[in-house]
Amino acid sequence: MYPYGYYQVPPTQYDYNQFEQFDSYTQQNQYDPYDPDRQPQQLERRVNQLERENQRQEREINQLQRDVNQLQRRLQRVNQRLRAVERRFNFPFTPFDGEF
C-alpha cells in the first residue's frame, strides 16, 4: 500500500547499446498481466474506495466543526441575553442549577 499518494515506479536502467525493434503501437496497447510493478486490480479498487471514503469523512468532519462553531456562537449570544435579563430584573446570579 502507498499511503502518501500514487505508486512511484522505481527507476530502471536501460541498455541503450542493445538495439531491439518493436512495434510501438502494439507495444503500448498490450497489457502484461505479470507485471510485478503493477498492483492487482482488487487492491487498486480497494485503495480508490478507501480514498473516496476518507475524503467523504473529511468533508463530514469539516461540516460538523462548522456546526459546532456556529452553535457555540449562538450559545454565547443566548448567555449574554440571559445575563442582560438577569441584570434588568435583579435576579441574583447563581452558577448552580435550581438555586435562586
PDB file of N, CA and C in Angstrom:
ATOM      1  N   MET A   1       0.849  -1.178   0.000  1.00  0.00           N
ATOM      2  CA  MET A   1       0.000   0.000   0.000  1.00  0.00           C
ATOM      3  C   MET A   1       0.895   1.243   0.000  1.00  0.00           C
ATOM      4  N   TYR A   2       0.398   2.285  -0.618  1.00  0.00           N
ATOM      5  CA  TYR A   2       1.180   3.509  -0.738  1.00  0.00           C
ATOM      6  C   TYR A   2       0.359   4.649  -0.165  1.00  0.00           C
ATOM      7  N   PRO A   3       0.485   4.928   1.169  1.00  0.00           N
ATOM      8  CA  PRO A   3      -0.414   5.874   1.825  1.00  0.00           C
ATOM      9  C   PRO A   3      -0.165   7.326   1.467  1.00  0.00           C
ATOM     10  N   TYR A   4       0.944   7.640   0.850  1.00  0.00           N
ATOM     11  CA  TYR A   4       1.259   9.037   0.598  1.00  0.00           C
ATOM     12  C   TYR A   4       0.997   9.442  -0.837  1.00  0.00           C
ATOM     13  N   GLY A   5       0.178   8.750  -1.538  1.00  0.00           N
ATOM     14  CA  GLY A   5      -0.148   9.162  -2.896  1.00  0.00           C
ATOM     15  C   GLY A   5      -0.027   8.006  -3.850  1.00  0.00           C
ATOM     16  N   TYR A   6       0.248   8.343  -5.061  1.00  0.00           N
ATOM     17  CA  TYR A   6       0.285   7.340  -6.099  1.00  0.00           C
ATOM     18  C   TYR A   6       1.586   6.544  -6.050  1.00  0.00           C
ATOM     19  N   TYR A   7       1.538   5.378  -6.619  1.00  0.00           N
ATOM     20  CA  TYR A   7       2.689   4.490  -6.638  1.00  0.00           C
ATOM     21  C   TYR A   7       3.794   5.100  -7.478  1.00  0.00           C
ATOM     22  N   GLN A   8       4.980   5.145  -6.949  1.00  0.00           N
ATOM     23  CA  GLN A   8       6.137   5.652  -7.663  1.00  0.00           C
ATOM     24  C   GLN A   8       6.903   4.488  -8.250  1.00  0.00           C
ATOM     25  N   VAL A   9       7.090   4.500  -9.557  1.00  0.00           N
ATOM     26  CA  VAL A   9       7.794   3.420 -10.225  1.00  0.00           C
ATOM     27  C   VAL A   9       9.286   3.567  -9.944  1.00  0.00           C
ATOM     28  N   PRO A  10       9.927   2.511  -9.476  1.00  0.00           N
ATOM     29  CA  PRO A  10      11.358   2.639  -9.219  1.00  0.00           C
ATOM     30  C   PRO A  10      12.120   2.830 -10.528  1.00  0.00           C
ATOM     31  N   PRO A  11      13.183   3.601 -10.491  1.00  0.00           N
ATOM     32  CA  PRO A  11      13.940   3.834 -11.724  1.00  0.00           C
ATOM     33  C   PRO A  11      14.569   2.533 -12.231  1.00  0.00           C
ATOM     34  N   THR A  12      14.546   2.387 -13.526  1.00  0.00           N
ATOM     35  CA  THR A  12      15.138   1.193 -14.136  1.00  0.00           C
ATOM     36  C   THR A  12      16.298   1.617 -15.030  1.00  0.00           C
ATOM     37  N   GLN A  13      17.235   0.736 -15.200  1.00  0.00           N
ATOM     38  CA  GLN A  13      18.389   1.024 -16.041  1.00  0.00           C
ATOM     39  C   GLN A  13      18.180   0.373 -17.399  1.00  0.00           C
ATOM     40  N   TYR A  14      18.489   1.121 -18.437  1.00  0.00           N
ATOM     41  CA  TYR A  14      18.318   0.631 -19.793  1.00  0.00           C
ATOM     42  C   TYR A  14      19.683   0.455 -20.438  1.00  0.00           C
ATOM     43  N   ASP A  15      19.764  -0.565 -21.242  1.00  0.00           N
ATOM     44  CA  ASP A  15      20.973  -0.782 -22.036  1.00  0.00           C
ATOM     45  C   ASP A  15      20.709  -0.203 -23.415  1.00  0.00           C
ATOM     46  N   TYR A  16      21.205   1.007 -23.645  1.00  0.00           N
ATOM     47  CA  TYR A  16      20.946   1.687 -24.915  1.00  0.00           C
ATOM     48  C   TYR A  16      21.810   1.149 -26.046  1.00  0.00           C
ATOM     49  N   ASN A  17      22.788   0.336 -25.717  1.00  0.00           N
ATOM     50  CA  ASN A  17      23.627  -0.236 -26.766  1.00  0.00           C
ATOM     51  C   ASN A  17      22.931  -1.406 -27.460  1.00  0.00           C
ATOM     52  N   GLN A  18      21.991  -1.971 -26.799  1.00  0.00           N
ATOM     53  CA  GLN A  18      21.278  -3.097 -27.385  1.00  0.00           C
ATOM     54  C   GLN A  18      20.110  -2.556 -28.211  1.00  0.00           C
ATOM     55  N   PHE A  19      20.064  -2.924 -29.487  1.00  0.00           N
ATOM     56  CA  PHE A  19      19.032  -2.420 -30.371  1.00  0.00           C
ATOM     57  C   PHE A  19      17.955  -3.478 -30.516  1.00  0.00           C
ATOM     58  N   GLU A  20      16.719  -3.075 -30.243  1.00  0.00           N
ATOM     59  CA  GLU A  20      15.611  -4.015 -30.345  1.00  0.00           C
ATOM     60  C   GLU A  20      14.488  -3.343 -31.112  1.00  0.00           C
ATOM     61  N   GLN A  21      14.007  -3.992 -32.137  1.00  0.00           N
ATOM     62  CA  GLN A  21      12.920  -3.424 -32.917  1.00  0.00           C
ATOM     63  C   GLN A  21      11.598  -3.914 -32.345  1.00  0.00           C
ATOM     64  N   PHE A  22      10.663  -2.984 -32.269  1.00  0.00           N
ATOM     65  CA  PHE A  22       9.336  -3.361 -31.819  1.00  0.00           C
ATOM     66  C   PHE A  22       8.324  -2.398 -32.410  1.00  0.00           C
ATOM     67  N   ASP A  23       7.127  -2.830 -32.482  1.00  0.00           N
ATOM     68  CA  ASP A  23       6.051  -2.007 -32.990  1.00  0.00           C
ATOM     69  C   ASP A  23       5.516  -1.192 -31.811  1.00  0.00           C
ATOM     70  N   SER A  24       5.705   0.130 -31.830  1.00  0.00           N
ATOM     71  CA  SER A  24       5.363   0.959 -30.682  1.00  0.00           C
ATOM     72  C   SER A  24       3.848   0.979 -30.440  1.00  0.00           C
ATOM     73  N   TYR A  25       3.049   0.890 -31.491  1.00  0.00           N
ATOM     74  CA  TYR A  25       1.601   0.952 -31.299  1.00  0.00           C
ATOM     75  C   TYR A  25       1.090  -0.281 -30.550  1.00  0.00           C
ATOM     76  N   THR A  26       1.495  -1.445 -30.963  1.00  0.00           N
ATOM     77  CA  THR A  26       1.019  -2.647 -30.279  1.00  0.00           C
ATOM     78  C   THR A  26       1.718  -2.825 -28.933  1.00  0.00           C
ATOM     79  N   GLN A  27       2.947  -2.354 -28.813  1.00  0.00           N
ATOM     80  CA  GLN A  27       3.682  -2.483 -27.550  1.00  0.00           C
ATOM     81  C   GLN A  27       3.008  -1.667 -26.450  1.00  0.00           C
ATOM     82  N   GLN A  28       2.523  -0.470 -26.787  1.00  0.00           N
ATOM     83  CA  GLN A  28       1.894   0.371 -25.776  1.00  0.00           C
ATOM     84  C   GLN A  28       0.521  -0.139 -25.382  1.00  0.00           C
ATOM     85  N   ASN A  29      -0.181  -0.766 -26.306  1.00  0.00           N
ATOM     86  CA  ASN A  29      -1.540  -1.196 -26.018  1.00  0.00           C
ATOM     87  C   ASN A  29      -1.606  -2.571 -25.385  1.00  0.00           C
ATOM     88  N   GLN A  30      -0.512  -3.269 -25.329  1.00  0.00           N
ATOM     89  CA  GLN A  30      -0.530  -4.582 -24.706  1.00  0.00           C
ATOM     90  C   GLN A  30      -0.392  -4.430 -23.199  1.00  0.00           C
ATOM     91  N   TYR A  31      -1.173  -5.222 -22.494  1.00  0.00           N
ATOM     92  CA  TYR A  31      -1.102  -5.222 -21.037  1.00  0.00           C
ATOM     93  C   TYR A  31      -0.458  -6.524 -20.594  1.00  0.00           C
ATOM     94  N   ASP A  32       0.593  -6.390 -19.821  1.00  0.00           N
ATOM     95  CA  ASP A  32       1.290  -7.558 -19.308  1.00  0.00           C
ATOM     96  C   ASP A  32       0.692  -7.920 -17.950  1.00  0.00           C
ATOM     97  N   PRO A  33      -0.079  -9.006 -17.863  1.00  0.00           N
ATOM     98  CA  PRO A  33      -0.716  -9.325 -16.578  1.00  0.00           C
ATOM     99  C   PRO A  33       0.275  -9.756 -15.509  1.00  0.00           C
ATOM    100  N   TYR A  34       1.510 -10.016 -15.890  1.00  0.00           N
ATOM    101  CA  TYR A  34       2.512 -10.470 -14.926  1.00  0.00           C
ATOM    102  C   TYR A  34       3.518  -9.377 -14.582  1.00  0.00           C
ATOM    103  N   ASP A  35       3.115  -8.138 -14.791  1.00  0.00           N
ATOM    104  CA  ASP A  35       3.999  -7.017 -14.477  1.00  0.00           C
ATOM    105  C   ASP A  35       4.149  -6.923 -12.949  1.00  0.00           C
ATOM    106  N   PRO A  36       5.350  -7.103 -12.404  1.00  0.00           N
ATOM    107  CA  PRO A  36       5.498  -7.097 -10.934  1.00  0.00           C
ATOM    108  C   PRO A  36       5.334  -5.707 -10.332  1.00  0.00           C
ATOM    109  N   ASP A  37       5.453  -4.638 -11.155  1.00  0.00           N
ATOM    110  CA  ASP A  37       5.332  -3.284 -10.619  1.00  0.00           C
ATOM    111  C   ASP A  37       3.880  -2.837 -10.505  1.00  0.00           C
ATOM    112  N   ARG A  38       2.972  -3.577 -11.094  1.00  0.00           N
ATOM    113  CA  ARG A  38       1.569  -3.179 -11.083  1.00  0.00           C
ATOM    114  C   ARG A  38       0.841  -3.900  -9.948  1.00  0.00           C
ATOM    115  N   GLN A  39       0.056  -3.122  -9.197  1.00  0.00           N
ATOM    116  CA  GLN A  39      -0.723  -3.702  -8.113  1.00  0.00           C
ATOM    117  C   GLN A  39      -1.886  -4.496  -8.705  1.00  0.00           C
ATOM    118  N   PRO A  40      -2.319  -5.538  -8.051  1.00  0.00           N
ATOM    119  CA  PRO A  40      -3.508  -6.250  -8.523  1.00  0.00           C
ATOM    120  C   PRO A  40      -4.716  -5.316  -8.542  1.00  0.00           C
ATOM    121  N   GLN A  41      -5.625  -5.551  -9.459  1.00  0.00           N
ATOM    122  CA  GLN A  41      -6.755  -4.640  -9.635  1.00  0.00           C
ATOM    123  C   GLN A  41      -7.639  -4.571  -8.396  1.00  0.00           C
ATOM    124  N   GLN A  42      -7.760  -5.673  -7.663  1.00  0.00           N
ATOM    125  CA  GLN A  42      -8.586  -5.623  -6.454  1.00  0.00           C
ATOM    126  C   GLN A  42      -8.006  -4.631  -5.451  1.00  0.00           C
ATOM    127  N   LEU A  43      -6.669  -4.624  -5.321  1.00  0.00           N
ATOM    128  CA  LEU A  43      -6.036  -3.678  -4.387  1.00  0.00           C
ATOM    129  C   LEU A  43      -6.212  -2.248  -4.865  1.00  0.00           C
ATOM    130  N   GLU A  44      -6.080  -2.037  -6.172  1.00  0.00           N
ATOM    131  CA  GLU A  44      -6.250  -0.679  -6.699  1.00  0.00           C
ATOM    132  C   GLU A  44      -7.666  -0.192  -6.458  1.00  0.00           C
ATOM    133  N   ARG A  45      -8.643  -1.060  -6.692  1.00  0.00           N
ATOM    134  CA  ARG A  45     -10.029  -0.669  -6.457  1.00  0.00           C
ATOM    135  C   ARG A  45     -10.271  -0.382  -4.981  1.00  0.00           C
ATOM    136  N   ARG A  46      -9.714  -1.206  -4.117  1.00  0.00           N
ATOM    137  CA  ARG A  46      -9.896  -1.003  -2.679  1.00  0.00           C
ATOM    138  C   ARG A  46      -9.245   0.295  -2.216  1.00  0.00           C
ATOM    139  N   VAL A  47      -8.045   0.580  -2.731  1.00  0.00           N
ATOM    140  CA  VAL A  47      -7.357   1.832  -2.377  1.00  0.00           C
ATOM    141  C   VAL A  47      -8.194   3.024  -2.832  1.00  0.00           C
ATOM    142  N   ASN A  48      -8.711   2.963  -4.065  1.00  0.00           N
ATOM    143  CA  ASN A  48      -9.550   4.061  -4.556  1.00  0.00           C
ATOM    144  C   ASN A  48     -10.796   4.218  -3.693  1.00  0.00           C
ATOM    145  N   GLN A  49     -11.402   3.100  -3.314  1.00  0.00           N
ATOM    146  CA  GLN A  49     -12.593   3.152  -2.477  1.00  0.00           C
ATOM    147  C   GLN A  49     -12.268   3.781  -1.121  1.00  0.00           C
ATOM    148  N   LEU A  50     -11.141   3.388  -0.533  1.00  0.00           N
ATOM    149  CA  LEU A  50     -10.761   3.946   0.769  1.00  0.00           C
ATOM    150  C   LEU A  50     -10.425   5.432   0.666  1.00  0.00           C
ATOM    151  N   GLU A  51      -9.805   5.847  -0.432  1.00  0.00           N
ATOM    152  CA  GLU A  51      -9.504   7.268  -0.608  1.00  0.00           C
ATOM    153  C   GLU A  51     -10.789   8.081  -0.721  1.00  0.00           C
ATOM    154  N   ARG A  52     -11.778   7.562  -1.477  1.00  0.00           N
ATOM    155  CA  ARG A  52     -13.058   8.277  -1.583  1.00  0.00           C
ATOM    156  C   ARG A  52     -13.755   8.353  -0.231  1.00  0.00           C
ATOM    157  N   GLU A  53     -13.720   7.264   0.515  1.00  0.00           N
ATOM    158  CA  GLU A  53     -14.341   7.259   1.839  1.00  0.00           C
ATOM    159  C   GLU A  53     -13.639   8.227   2.784  1.00  0.00           C
ATOM    160  N   ASN A  54     -12.316   8.283   2.692  1.00  0.00           N
ATOM    161  CA  ASN A  54     -11.544   9.216   3.517  1.00  0.00           C
ATOM    162  C   ASN A  54     -11.911  10.661   3.186  1.00  0.00           C
ATOM    163  N   GLN A  55     -12.036  10.974   1.911  1.00  0.00           N
ATOM    164  CA  GLN A  55     -12.420  12.334   1.515  1.00  0.00           C
ATOM    165  C   GLN A  55     -13.822  12.679   2.005  1.00  0.00           C
ATOM    166  N   ARG A  56     -14.741  11.707   1.918  1.00  0.00           N
ATOM    167  CA  ARG A  56     -16.102  11.934   2.398  1.00  0.00           C
ATOM    168  C   ARG A  56     -16.101  12.203   3.904  1.00  0.00           C
ATOM    169  N   GLN A  57     -15.321  11.415   4.647  1.00  0.00           N
ATOM    170  CA  GLN A  57     -15.253  11.613   6.093  1.00  0.00           C
ATOM    171  C   GLN A  57     -14.624  12.953   6.446  1.00  0.00           C
ATOM    172  N   GLU A  58     -13.617  13.379   5.693  1.00  0.00           N
ATOM    173  CA  GLU A  58     -13.007  14.691   5.950  1.00  0.00           C
ATOM    174  C   GLU A  58     -14.017  15.808   5.726  1.00  0.00           C
ATOM    175  N   ARG A  59     -14.821  15.693   4.643  1.00  0.00           N
ATOM    176  CA  ARG A  59     -15.855  16.706   4.394  1.00  0.00           C
ATOM    177  C   ARG A  59     -16.879  16.722   5.528  1.00  0.00           C
ATOM    178  N   GLU A  60     -17.259  15.539   6.004  1.00  0.00           N
ATOM    179  CA  GLU A  60     -18.223  15.459   7.092  1.00  0.00           C
ATOM    180  C   GLU A  60     -17.658  16.052   8.373  1.00  0.00           C
ATOM    181  N   ILE A  61     -16.401  15.778   8.664  1.00  0.00           N
ATOM    182  CA  ILE A  61     -15.754  16.342   9.861  1.00  0.00           C
ATOM    183  C   ILE A  61     -15.721  17.864   9.775  1.00  0.00           C
ATOM    184  N   ASN A  62     -15.355  18.392   8.607  1.00  0.00           N
ATOM    185  CA  ASN A  62     -15.315  19.853   8.447  1.00  0.00           C
ATOM    186  C   ASN A  62     -16.696  20.464   8.643  1.00  0.00           C
ATOM    187  N   GLN A  63     -17.729  19.815   8.098  1.00  0.00           N
ATOM    188  CA  GLN A  63     -19.091  20.319   8.279  1.00  0.00           C
ATOM    189  C   GLN A  63     -19.489  20.303   9.749  1.00  0.00           C
ATOM    190  N   LEU A  64     -19.171  19.227  10.449  1.00  0.00           N
ATOM    191  CA  LEU A  64     -19.512  19.143  11.872  1.00  0.00           C
ATOM    192  C   LEU A  64     -18.755  20.187  12.694  1.00  0.00           C
ATOM    193  N   GLN A  65     -17.506  20.456  12.341  1.00  0.00           N
ATOM    194  CA  GLN A  65     -16.751  21.501  13.049  1.00  0.00           C
ATOM    195  C   GLN A  65     -17.378  22.869  12.835  1.00  0.00           C
ATOM    196  N   ARG A  66     -17.841  23.139  11.605  1.00  0.00           N
ATOM    197  CA  ARG A  66     -18.526  24.417  11.349  1.00  0.00           C
ATOM    198  C   ARG A  66     -19.817  24.511  12.161  1.00  0.00           C
ATOM    199  N   ASP A  67     -20.548  23.389  12.239  1.00  0.00           N
ATOM    200  CA  ASP A  67     -21.784  23.380  13.030  1.00  0.00           C
ATOM    201  C   ASP A  67     -21.498  23.641  14.505  1.00  0.00           C
ATOM    202  N   VAL A  68     -20.459  23.012  15.042  1.00  0.00           N
ATOM    203  CA  VAL A  68     -20.104  23.215  16.450  1.00  0.00           C
ATOM    204  C   VAL A  68     -19.747  24.676  16.695  1.00  0.00           C
ATOM    205  N   ASN A  69     -18.968  25.268  15.806  1.00  0.00           N
ATOM    206  CA  ASN A  69     -18.588  26.678  15.978  1.00  0.00           C
ATOM    207  C   ASN A  69     -19.817  27.580  15.944  1.00  0.00           C
ATOM    208  N   GLN A  70     -20.736  27.296  15.029  1.00  0.00           N
ATOM    209  CA  GLN A  70     -21.943  28.105  14.936  1.00  0.00           C
ATOM    210  C   GLN A  70     -22.790  27.968  16.209  1.00  0.00           C
ATOM    211  N   LEU A  71     -22.930  26.753  16.716  1.00  0.00           N
ATOM    212  CA  LEU A  71     -23.715  26.548  17.934  1.00  0.00           C
ATOM    213  C   LEU A  71     -23.049  27.195  19.147  1.00  0.00           C
ATOM    214  N   GLN A  72     -21.716  27.189  19.194  1.00  0.00           N
ATOM    215  CA  GLN A  72     -21.025  27.869  20.299  1.00  0.00           C
ATOM    216  C   GLN A  72     -21.291  29.368  20.272  1.00  0.00           C
ATOM    217  N   ARG A  73     -21.290  29.972  19.078  1.00  0.00           N
ATOM    218  CA  ARG A  73     -21.586  31.409  18.973  1.00  0.00           C
ATOM    219  C   ARG A  73     -23.022  31.698  19.394  1.00  0.00           C
ATOM    220  N   ARG A  74     -23.959  30.830  18.980  1.00  0.00           N
ATOM    221  CA  ARG A  74     -25.354  31.017  19.374  1.00  0.00           C
ATOM    222  C   ARG A  74     -25.499  30.924  20.893  1.00  0.00           C
ATOM    223  N   LEU A  75     -24.841  29.940  21.503  1.00  0.00           N
ATOM    224  CA  LEU A  75     -24.919  29.781  22.952  1.00  0.00           C
ATOM    225  C   LEU A  75     -24.351  31.000  23.674  1.00  0.00           C
ATOM    226  N   GLN A  76     -23.268  31.563  23.158  1.00  0.00           N
ATOM    227  CA  GLN A  76     -22.707  32.778  23.752  1.00  0.00           C
ATOM    228  C   GLN A  76     -23.707  33.922  23.711  1.00  0.00           C
ATOM    229  N   ARG A  77     -24.381  34.082  22.561  1.00  0.00           N
ATOM    230  CA  ARG A  77     -25.367  35.159  22.440  1.00  0.00           C
ATOM    231  C   ARG A  77     -26.534  34.944  23.399  1.00  0.00           C
ATOM    232  N   VAL A  78     -27.003  33.698  23.529  1.00  0.00           N
ATOM    233  CA  VAL A  78     -28.100  33.407  24.449  1.00  0.00           C
ATOM    234  C   VAL A  78     -27.676  33.716  25.875  1.00  0.00           C
ATOM    235  N   ASN A  79     -26.461  33.320  26.250  1.00  0.00           N
ATOM    236  CA  ASN A  79     -25.971  33.609  27.600  1.00  0.00           C
ATOM    237  C   ASN A  79     -25.870  35.104  27.851  1.00  0.00           C
ATOM    238  N   GLN A  80     -25.424  35.867  26.845  1.00  0.00           N
ATOM    239  CA  GLN A  80     -25.334  37.322  27.009  1.00  0.00           C
ATOM    240  C   GLN A  80     -26.716  37.930  27.204  1.00  0.00           C
ATOM    241  N   ARG A  81     -27.678  37.466  26.446  1.00  0.00           N
ATOM    242  CA  ARG A  81     -29.053  37.983  26.597  1.00  0.00           C
ATOM    243  C   ARG A  81     -29.618  37.615  27.969  1.00  0.00           C
ATOM    244  N   LEU A  82     -29.338  36.381  28.407  1.00  0.00           N
ATOM    245  CA  LEU A  82     -29.814  35.955  29.717  1.00  0.00           C
ATOM    246  C   LEU A  82     -29.219  36.818  30.823  1.00  0.00           C
ATOM    247  N   ARG A  83     -27.950  37.123  30.731  1.00  0.00           N
ATOM    248  CA  ARG A  83     -27.312  37.983  31.745  1.00  0.00           C
ATOM    249  C   ARG A  83     -27.937  39.371  31.745  1.00  0.00           C
ATOM    250  N   ALA A  84     -28.257  39.864  30.540  1.00  0.00           N
ATOM    251  CA  ALA A  84     -28.884  41.190  30.472  1.00  0.00           C
ATOM    252  C   ALA A  84     -30.256  41.165  31.134  1.00  0.00           C
ATOM    253  N   VAL A  85     -31.031  40.103  30.921  1.00  0.00           N
ATOM    254  CA  VAL A  85     -32.347  39.995  31.551  1.00  0.00           C
ATOM    255  C   VAL A  85     -32.193  39.855  33.058  1.00  0.00           C
ATOM    256  N   GLU A  86     -31.220  39.058  33.503  1.00  0.00           N
ATOM    257  CA  GLU A  86     -30.996  38.909  34.944  1.00  0.00           C
ATOM    258  C   GLU A  86     -30.643  40.242  35.586  1.00  0.00           C
ATOM    259  N   ARG A  87     -29.812  41.048  34.928  1.00  0.00           N
ATOM    260  CA  ARG A  87     -29.447  42.356  35.491  1.00  0.00           C
ATOM    261  C   ARG A  87     -30.657  43.293  35.526  1.00  0.00           C
ATOM    262  N   ARG A  88     -31.466  43.231  34.467  1.00  0.00           N
ATOM    263  CA  ARG A  88     -32.618  44.136  34.394  1.00  0.00           C
ATOM    264  C   ARG A  88     -33.628  43.834  35.497  1.00  0.00           C
ATOM    265  N   PHE A  89     -33.893  42.555  35.756  1.00  0.00           N
ATOM    266  CA  PHE A  89     -34.887  42.189  36.764  1.00  0.00           C
ATOM    267  C   PHE A  89     -34.267  41.898  38.125  1.00  0.00           C
ATOM    268  N   ASN A  90     -33.000  42.168  38.258  1.00  0.00           N
ATOM    269  CA  ASN A  90     -32.279  41.979  39.513  1.00  0.00           C
ATOM    270  C   ASN A  90     -32.360  40.548  40.033  1.00  0.00           C
ATOM    271  N   PHE A  91     -32.238  39.594  39.136  1.00  0.00           N
ATOM    272  CA  PHE A  91     -32.142  38.201  39.570  1.00  0.00           C
ATOM    273  C   PHE A  91     -30.732  37.976  40.083  1.00  0.00           C
ATOM    274  N   PRO A  92     -30.602  37.341  41.240  1.00  0.00           N
ATOM    275  CA  PRO A  92     -29.235  37.055  41.699  1.00  0.00           C
ATOM    276  C   PRO A  92     -28.610  35.960  40.821  1.00  0.00           C
ATOM    277  N   PHE A  93     -27.399  36.191  40.438  1.00  0.00           N
ATOM    278  CA  PHE A  93     -26.706  35.204  39.596  1.00  0.00           C
ATOM    279  C   PHE A  93     -26.221  34.065  40.459  1.00  0.00           C
ATOM    280  N   THR A  94     -26.636  32.852  40.112  1.00  0.00           N
ATOM    281  CA  THR A  94     -26.138  31.661  40.793  1.00  0.00           C
ATOM    282  C   THR A  94     -25.645  30.694  39.730  1.00  0.00           C
ATOM    283  N   PRO A  95     -24.442  30.227  39.857  1.00  0.00           N
ATOM    284  CA  PRO A  95     -23.888  29.342  38.825  1.00  0.00           C
ATOM    285  C   PRO A  95     -24.423  27.914  38.892  1.00  0.00           C
ATOM    286  N   PHE A  96     -25.253  27.591  39.912  1.00  0.00           N
ATOM    287  CA  PHE A  96     -25.753  26.225  40.049  1.00  0.00           C
ATOM    288  C   PHE A  96     -27.198  26.161  39.621  1.00  0.00           C
ATOM    289  N   ASP A  97     -27.582  25.060  39.045  1.00  0.00           N
ATOM    290  CA  ASP A  97     -28.955  24.889  38.557  1.00  0.00           C
ATOM    291  C   ASP A  97     -29.913  24.787  39.744  1.00  0.00           C
ATOM    292  N   GLY A  98     -31.093  25.396  39.602  1.00  0.00           N
ATOM    293  CA  GLY A  98     -32.156  25.247  40.583  1.00  0.00           C
ATOM    294  C   GLY A  98     -31.998  26.054  41.846  1.00  0.00           C
ATOM    295  N   GLU A  99     -31.044  26.963  41.919  1.00  0.00           N
ATOM    296  CA  GLU A  99     -30.860  27.766  43.135  1.00  0.00           C
ATOM    297  C   GLU A  99     -31.158  29.208  42.821  1.00  0.00           C
ATOM    298  N   PHE A 100     -32.097  29.765  43.570  1.00  0.00           N
ATOM    299  CA  PHE A 100     -32.386  31.208  43.462  1.00  0.00           C
ATOM    300  C   PHE A 100     -32.416  31.839  44.809  1.00  0.00           C
TER     301      PHE A 100
END
